[in-house]
Amino acid sequence: MSHIKNGTWATMLTPFTDDNRIDFYGMEKLLAYYAHKEIDGIFALCQSSELFFLSPQEKADILQFVVQHTPKSIQIIVSGNTAFTLAEQTEEANRLYNSDCSAYVVLPNRFAAPEESDDVLLERLSRFVDAVPDIPLGLYECPYPYKRLVSPKILRYCVQTGRFVFMKDTCCDLQRIRERLDLLSGSGISLFNANAATLLESLRMGASGYCGVMTNLHPEFYVWLCRHFRDEPEKAEQVQQYIGTCSVIEYPQYPVNAKYSLSLQGVPIGLTSRTKDAGKFTASNKLEVEQFTKLSALARGWLQI
């Protein structure tokens, strides 16, 4: 079974050309950016990647490119789980997962509609797990097309299977995170928090790291915090105050705002997105991101990151 490295996992963006094709040159530079920032892992074909707006061939091409251009020191997990029927989900997993990936990550909202019960979800999920016996699995509480949090019942099932190694937690609730970590203790499932505001406390509770959208704006702060929250607790508090405040920039224009910030940091990608209208990213919005990016550079000096 795969071992998932603790630390900071980038939720990988998909760069697009002006005519809405995959920008592989920009993707290569983005992967180099992640490596330069010393991230520990890449979550490919996730919501940040605009996975519901990629064709099956585009998903396969992106993953192949990521595997070929990511240093071996950086782990890769992949999702791409957009199908809803068992046959399609099984085909999707077998097509996208390969031995260069440490897990194939499934979305709970693909196994039950909003009005359907956990029993329905559990029955469908268990059939999927049985259908892909050789693939290590993960969970991701993706907010699109609707956000479905994993209940204790579902999480206990995942523990009992021995097949799951990763969970991206998006509940943003420290009490629930504590309960989940207690349930996952000794299971081999690594829980990664996607919420900046609760990150430090969740790390103290035993979370394995951070896997969230802010890795596409200033990942170095998360890398430092995940590595040093124990040995430099006072500085960790200062870093937490900074990242928690900065995380408000995430809404509502992500991923366009992150692409613009990356372009300011030397990553040659455009603003084209399939989930947000880049034409509505105003001059004022750009100014906000410019100031945020400059502030992050200043904060690296103040905090000695």
Protein backbone atom coordinates (compact mmCIF):
# COMPACT_ATOMS: atom_id res chain seq x y z
CA MET A 1 0.00 0.00 0.00
CA SER A 2 1.24 3.48 -0.85
CA HIS A 3 2.67 5.73 1.81
CA ILE A 4 1.58 9.35 1.51
CA LYS A 5 4.21 11.90 2.46
CA ASN A 6 3.31 14.42 5.13
CA GLY A 7 3.55 18.08 4.19
CA THR A 8 2.15 20.41 1.56
CA TRP A 9 0.29 19.11 -1.48
CA ALA A 10 -0.44 21.46 -4.37
CA THR A 11 -3.92 21.39 -5.85
CA MET A 12 -2.77 21.61 -9.43
CA LEU A 13 -4.22 24.19 -11.80
CA THR A 14 -4.77 23.58 -15.51
CA PRO A 15 -3.28 26.35 -17.67
CA PHE A 16 -5.22 27.05 -20.86
CA THR A 17 -4.21 28.87 -24.03
CA ASP A 18 -6.18 31.91 -25.19
CA ASP A 19 -8.14 29.62 -27.52
CA ASN A 20 -9.02 27.27 -24.62
CA ARG A 21 -6.66 24.37 -25.28
CA ILE A 22 -4.37 22.82 -22.65
CA ASP A 23 -1.24 24.96 -22.31
CA PHE A 24 1.46 22.35 -21.78
CA TYR A 25 4.27 24.89 -21.89
CA GLY A 26 2.61 26.78 -19.05
CA MET A 27 2.00 23.48 -17.25
CA GLU A 28 5.69 22.60 -17.41
CA LYS A 29 6.56 25.98 -15.86
CA LEU A 30 3.87 25.50 -13.20
CA LEU A 31 5.32 22.12 -12.23
CA ALA A 32 8.75 23.74 -12.01
CA TYR A 33 7.25 26.41 -9.73
CA TYR A 34 5.85 23.77 -7.37
CA ALA A 35 9.23 22.04 -7.27
CA HIS A 36 11.04 25.33 -6.62
CA LYS A 37 8.67 26.02 -3.73
CA GLU A 38 9.55 22.57 -2.30
CA ILE A 39 6.03 21.20 -2.17
CA ASP A 40 5.81 17.55 -1.13
CA GLY A 41 3.09 16.35 -3.45
CA ILE A 42 0.82 17.24 -6.35
CA PHE A 43 -2.89 16.53 -6.47
CA ALA A 44 -3.58 16.35 -10.19
CA LEU A 45 -7.00 16.47 -11.85
CA CYS A 46 -8.72 17.92 -8.81
CA GLN A 47 -11.23 20.77 -8.56
CA SER A 48 -8.44 23.35 -9.00
CA SER A 49 -7.66 21.56 -12.26
CA GLU A 50 -11.25 22.19 -13.42
CA LEU A 51 -11.68 18.44 -13.71
CA PHE A 52 -15.40 18.55 -14.53
CA PHE A 53 -14.60 20.67 -17.57
CA LEU A 54 -11.90 18.43 -19.06
CA SER A 55 -12.51 15.72 -21.64
CA PRO A 56 -11.38 12.14 -20.90
CA GLN A 57 -8.53 12.56 -23.39
CA GLU A 58 -7.47 15.87 -21.83
CA LYS A 59 -7.39 14.24 -18.40
CA ALA A 60 -5.20 11.41 -19.68
CA ASP A 61 -2.88 13.80 -21.50
CA ILE A 62 -2.51 16.06 -18.46
CA LEU A 63 -1.70 13.18 -16.13
CA GLN A 64 0.85 11.73 -18.56
CA PHE A 65 2.51 15.15 -18.78
CA VAL A 66 2.52 15.61 -15.00
CA VAL A 67 4.14 12.21 -14.48
CA GLN A 68 6.80 12.93 -17.09
CA HIS A 69 7.69 16.41 -15.80
CA THR A 70 7.46 16.06 -12.01
CA PRO A 71 10.65 15.28 -10.07
CA LYS A 72 10.61 11.83 -8.48
CA SER A 73 10.99 13.44 -5.04
CA ILE A 74 7.45 14.83 -5.38
CA GLN A 75 4.57 12.38 -4.99
CA ILE A 76 1.53 12.48 -7.27
CA ILE A 77 -2.07 11.57 -6.55
CA VAL A 78 -4.82 11.87 -9.14
CA SER A 79 -8.59 12.17 -9.22
CA GLY A 80 -10.49 12.89 -12.42
CA ASN A 81 -13.48 11.15 -10.81
CA THR A 82 -16.44 12.78 -12.56
CA ALA A 83 -18.46 9.73 -13.68
CA PHE A 84 -21.59 8.65 -11.81
CA THR A 85 -22.25 5.02 -12.85
CA LEU A 86 -20.18 2.10 -11.60
CA ALA A 87 -19.08 1.02 -15.08
CA GLU A 88 -17.96 4.54 -16.01
CA GLN A 89 -16.24 5.09 -12.65
CA THR A 90 -14.34 1.83 -12.98
CA GLU A 91 -13.25 2.63 -16.52
CA GLU A 92 -12.23 6.13 -15.43
CA ALA A 93 -10.09 4.85 -12.55
CA ASN A 94 -8.39 2.15 -14.63
CA ARG A 95 -7.65 4.65 -17.40
CA LEU A 96 -6.19 7.37 -15.17
CA TYR A 97 -4.42 5.54 -12.37
CA ASN A 98 -0.93 4.19 -12.94
CA SER A 99 1.96 3.07 -10.76
CA ASP A 100 3.54 6.54 -10.85
CA CYS A 101 0.62 7.78 -8.73
CA SER A 102 0.33 7.09 -5.02
CA ALA A 103 -3.48 7.05 -4.99
CA TYR A 104 -6.61 7.47 -7.06
CA VAL A 105 -8.90 9.88 -5.25
CA VAL A 106 -12.68 9.52 -5.36
CA LEU A 107 -15.34 12.15 -4.68
CA PRO A 108 -18.19 11.20 -2.30
CA ASN A 109 -20.59 13.34 -4.35
CA ARG A 110 -20.09 10.99 -7.32
CA PHE A 111 -21.63 8.07 -5.39
CA ALA A 112 -24.88 9.66 -4.22
CA ALA A 113 -27.07 12.59 -5.17
CA PRO A 114 -27.73 15.31 -2.56
CA GLU A 115 -31.07 13.78 -1.53
CA GLU A 116 -29.71 10.21 -1.28
CA SER A 117 -28.64 8.64 2.00
CA ASP A 118 -25.26 7.47 3.23
CA ASP A 119 -26.52 3.90 2.85
CA VAL A 120 -26.90 4.49 -0.88
CA LEU A 121 -23.45 6.07 -1.05
CA LEU A 122 -21.91 3.21 0.91
CA GLU A 123 -23.43 0.54 -1.31
CA ARG A 124 -22.16 2.22 -4.48
CA LEU A 125 -18.76 3.05 -3.05
CA SER A 126 -18.21 -0.51 -1.85
CA ARG A 127 -19.02 -1.88 -5.30
CA PHE A 128 -16.51 0.53 -6.81
CA VAL A 129 -13.82 -0.42 -4.30
CA ASP A 130 -14.35 -4.10 -5.13
CA ALA A 131 -14.18 -3.32 -8.86
CA VAL A 132 -10.67 -1.79 -8.63
CA PRO A 133 -8.89 -4.18 -6.22
CA ASP A 134 -5.34 -3.14 -7.07
CA ILE A 135 -5.67 0.64 -6.81
CA PRO A 136 -4.84 2.55 -3.58
CA LEU A 137 -7.60 5.06 -2.93
CA GLY A 138 -8.24 8.47 -1.45
CA LEU A 139 -11.21 10.66 -0.54
CA TYR A 140 -11.83 14.28 -1.49
CA GLU A 141 -14.82 16.29 -0.28
CA CYS A 142 -15.02 18.25 -3.52
CA PRO A 143 -17.40 21.24 -3.37
CA TYR A 144 -18.58 20.80 -6.98
CA PRO A 145 -21.20 19.99 -8.17
CA TYR A 146 -22.31 19.83 -4.55
CA LYS A 147 -20.37 19.44 -1.33
CA ARG A 148 -20.91 16.19 0.53
CA LEU A 149 -18.97 15.75 3.73
CA VAL A 150 -17.86 12.26 4.70
CA SER A 151 -19.83 10.91 7.65
CA PRO A 152 -18.25 8.78 10.40
CA LYS A 153 -20.10 5.79 8.96
CA ILE A 154 -18.46 6.21 5.55
CA LEU A 155 -15.08 6.94 7.07
CA ARG A 156 -15.22 3.81 9.23
CA TYR A 157 -15.95 1.78 6.11
CA CYS A 158 -12.91 3.29 4.38
CA VAL A 159 -10.74 2.38 7.36
CA GLN A 160 -12.07 -1.18 7.45
CA THR A 161 -11.27 -1.80 3.79
CA GLY A 162 -7.56 -1.11 4.27
CA ARG A 163 -7.61 0.35 0.75
CA PHE A 164 -7.60 4.08 1.48
CA VAL A 165 -4.43 6.09 2.10
CA PHE A 166 -5.46 9.76 1.65
CA MET A 167 -8.22 12.16 2.63
CA LYS A 168 -8.59 15.80 1.64
CA ASP A 169 -10.71 17.32 4.38
CA THR A 170 -12.82 20.35 3.46
CA CYS A 171 -15.12 20.51 6.49
CA CYS A 172 -13.38 23.64 7.94
CA ASP A 173 -14.46 22.53 11.44
CA LEU A 174 -11.83 21.76 14.09
CA GLN A 175 -14.16 19.63 16.22
CA ARG A 176 -15.03 17.46 13.23
CA ILE A 177 -11.37 17.27 12.20
CA ARG A 178 -10.47 16.07 15.70
CA GLU A 179 -13.15 13.38 15.53
CA ARG A 180 -11.93 12.28 12.12
CA LEU A 181 -8.33 12.10 13.24
CA ASP A 182 -9.34 9.97 16.21
CA LEU A 183 -11.22 7.64 13.89
CA LEU A 184 -8.31 7.47 11.44
CA SER A 185 -5.61 6.90 14.07
CA GLY A 186 -3.45 3.93 13.09
CA SER A 187 -5.44 3.32 9.91
CA GLY A 188 -2.81 4.37 7.37
CA ILE A 189 -5.11 7.10 6.02
CA SER A 190 -3.41 10.50 5.96
CA LEU A 191 -5.74 13.47 6.50
CA PHE A 192 -4.82 16.71 4.74
CA ASN A 193 -6.60 19.92 5.69
CA ALA A 194 -7.74 22.17 2.83
CA ASN A 195 -8.63 25.08 5.12
CA ALA A 196 -5.95 27.67 5.92
CA ALA A 197 -7.65 29.15 8.99
CA THR A 198 -7.68 25.83 10.87
CA LEU A 199 -4.37 24.49 9.58
CA LEU A 200 -2.01 24.99 12.53
CA GLU A 201 -4.42 23.59 15.10
CA SER A 202 -5.19 20.62 12.86
CA LEU A 203 -1.47 19.89 12.50
CA ARG A 204 -1.15 19.90 16.28
CA MET A 205 -4.02 17.42 16.42
CA GLY A 206 -2.21 15.09 14.02
CA ALA A 207 -3.24 16.11 10.50
CA SER A 208 -0.67 15.13 7.89
CA GLY A 209 -0.47 18.50 6.15
CA TYR A 210 -2.12 20.99 3.86
CA CYS A 211 -3.77 20.39 0.48
CA GLY A 212 -5.57 23.51 -0.62
CA VAL A 213 -5.91 26.22 -3.21
CA MET A 214 -3.51 28.65 -1.56
CA THR A 215 -0.65 26.48 -2.79
CA ASN A 216 -1.26 28.32 -6.06
CA LEU A 217 -0.67 31.75 -4.53
CA HIS A 218 2.06 31.48 -1.86
CA PRO A 219 2.87 27.83 -1.09
CA GLU A 220 6.09 28.56 0.79
CA PHE A 221 4.19 29.59 3.93
CA TYR A 222 2.38 26.25 4.05
CA VAL A 223 5.58 24.33 3.35
CA TRP A 224 7.30 26.09 6.25
CA LEU A 225 4.39 25.65 8.65
CA CYS A 226 3.96 21.94 7.97
CA ARG A 227 7.68 21.37 8.50
CA HIS A 228 8.34 23.62 11.50
CA PHE A 229 5.13 24.00 13.53
CA ARG A 230 6.60 21.80 16.27
CA ASP A 231 10.15 23.14 16.52
CA GLU A 232 9.28 26.85 16.16
CA PRO A 233 5.87 27.19 17.85
CA GLU A 234 5.93 30.98 18.35
CA LYS A 235 6.81 31.66 14.73
CA ALA A 236 4.24 29.07 13.67
CA GLU A 237 1.56 31.16 15.39
CA GLN A 238 2.68 34.23 13.42
CA VAL A 239 2.65 32.33 10.12
CA GLN A 240 -0.82 30.98 10.94
CA GLN A 241 -2.16 34.48 11.57
CA TYR A 242 -0.81 35.57 8.22
CA ILE A 243 -2.07 32.67 6.11
CA GLY A 244 -5.46 32.64 7.81
CA THR A 245 -5.97 36.30 6.98
CA CYS A 246 -4.66 35.94 3.43
CA SER A 247 -6.92 33.02 2.61
CA VAL A 248 -9.90 35.34 2.15
CA ILE A 249 -8.49 36.19 -1.29
CA GLU A 250 -9.49 32.70 -2.43
CA TYR A 251 -13.11 33.66 -3.05
CA PRO A 252 -14.91 34.20 -5.39
CA GLN A 253 -12.58 34.44 -8.42
CA TYR A 254 -10.40 31.38 -8.02
CA PRO A 255 -8.72 30.00 -10.14
CA VAL A 256 -8.38 33.17 -12.26
CA ASN A 257 -6.89 35.14 -9.37
CA ALA A 258 -4.35 32.37 -8.68
CA LYS A 259 -3.33 32.26 -12.34
CA TYR A 260 -2.77 35.99 -12.27
CA SER A 261 -0.69 35.77 -9.09
CA LEU A 262 1.40 33.00 -10.63
CA SER A 263 1.99 35.12 -13.73
CA LEU A 264 3.28 37.89 -11.46
CA GLN A 265 5.65 35.36 -9.90
CA GLY A 266 7.15 34.42 -13.26
CA VAL A 267 4.97 31.47 -14.27
CA PRO A 268 3.94 32.18 -17.89
CA ILE A 269 0.28 31.22 -17.85
CA GLY A 270 -2.79 33.17 -18.96
CA LEU A 271 -6.04 33.79 -17.14
CA THR A 272 -8.25 31.56 -19.30
CA SER A 273 -10.50 29.33 -17.22
CA ARG A 274 -13.40 27.02 -18.00
CA THR A 275 -15.08 27.60 -14.65
CA LYS A 276 -14.78 31.38 -14.29
CA ASP A 277 -15.09 34.20 -16.81
CA ALA A 278 -11.65 35.82 -16.94
CA GLY A 279 -13.27 38.78 -18.67
CA LYS A 280 -14.94 39.66 -15.38
CA PHE A 281 -11.58 39.84 -13.61
CA THR A 282 -11.45 43.61 -13.39
CA ALA A 283 -8.58 46.08 -13.12
CA SER A 284 -9.45 46.44 -9.44
CA ASN A 285 -9.33 42.66 -8.98
CA LYS A 286 -5.91 42.59 -10.60
CA LEU A 287 -4.71 45.36 -8.30
CA GLU A 288 -5.84 43.36 -5.27
CA VAL A 289 -3.86 40.33 -6.43
CA GLU A 290 -0.83 42.48 -7.23
CA GLN A 291 -0.91 43.89 -3.71
CA PHE A 292 -1.42 40.44 -2.22
CA THR A 293 1.56 39.08 -4.17
CA LYS A 294 3.77 41.97 -3.05
CA LEU A 295 2.59 41.53 0.53
CA SER A 296 3.55 37.86 0.44
CA ALA A 297 7.06 38.83 -0.68
CA LEU A 298 7.28 41.30 2.21
CA ALA A 299 5.94 38.74 4.68
CA ARG A 300 8.60 36.23 3.65
CA GLY A 301 11.14 38.79 4.85
CA TRP A 302 9.28 39.71 8.04
CA LEU A 303 8.73 36.09 8.99
CA GLN A 304 12.04 34.87 7.54
CA ILE A 305 10.36 32.18 5.47
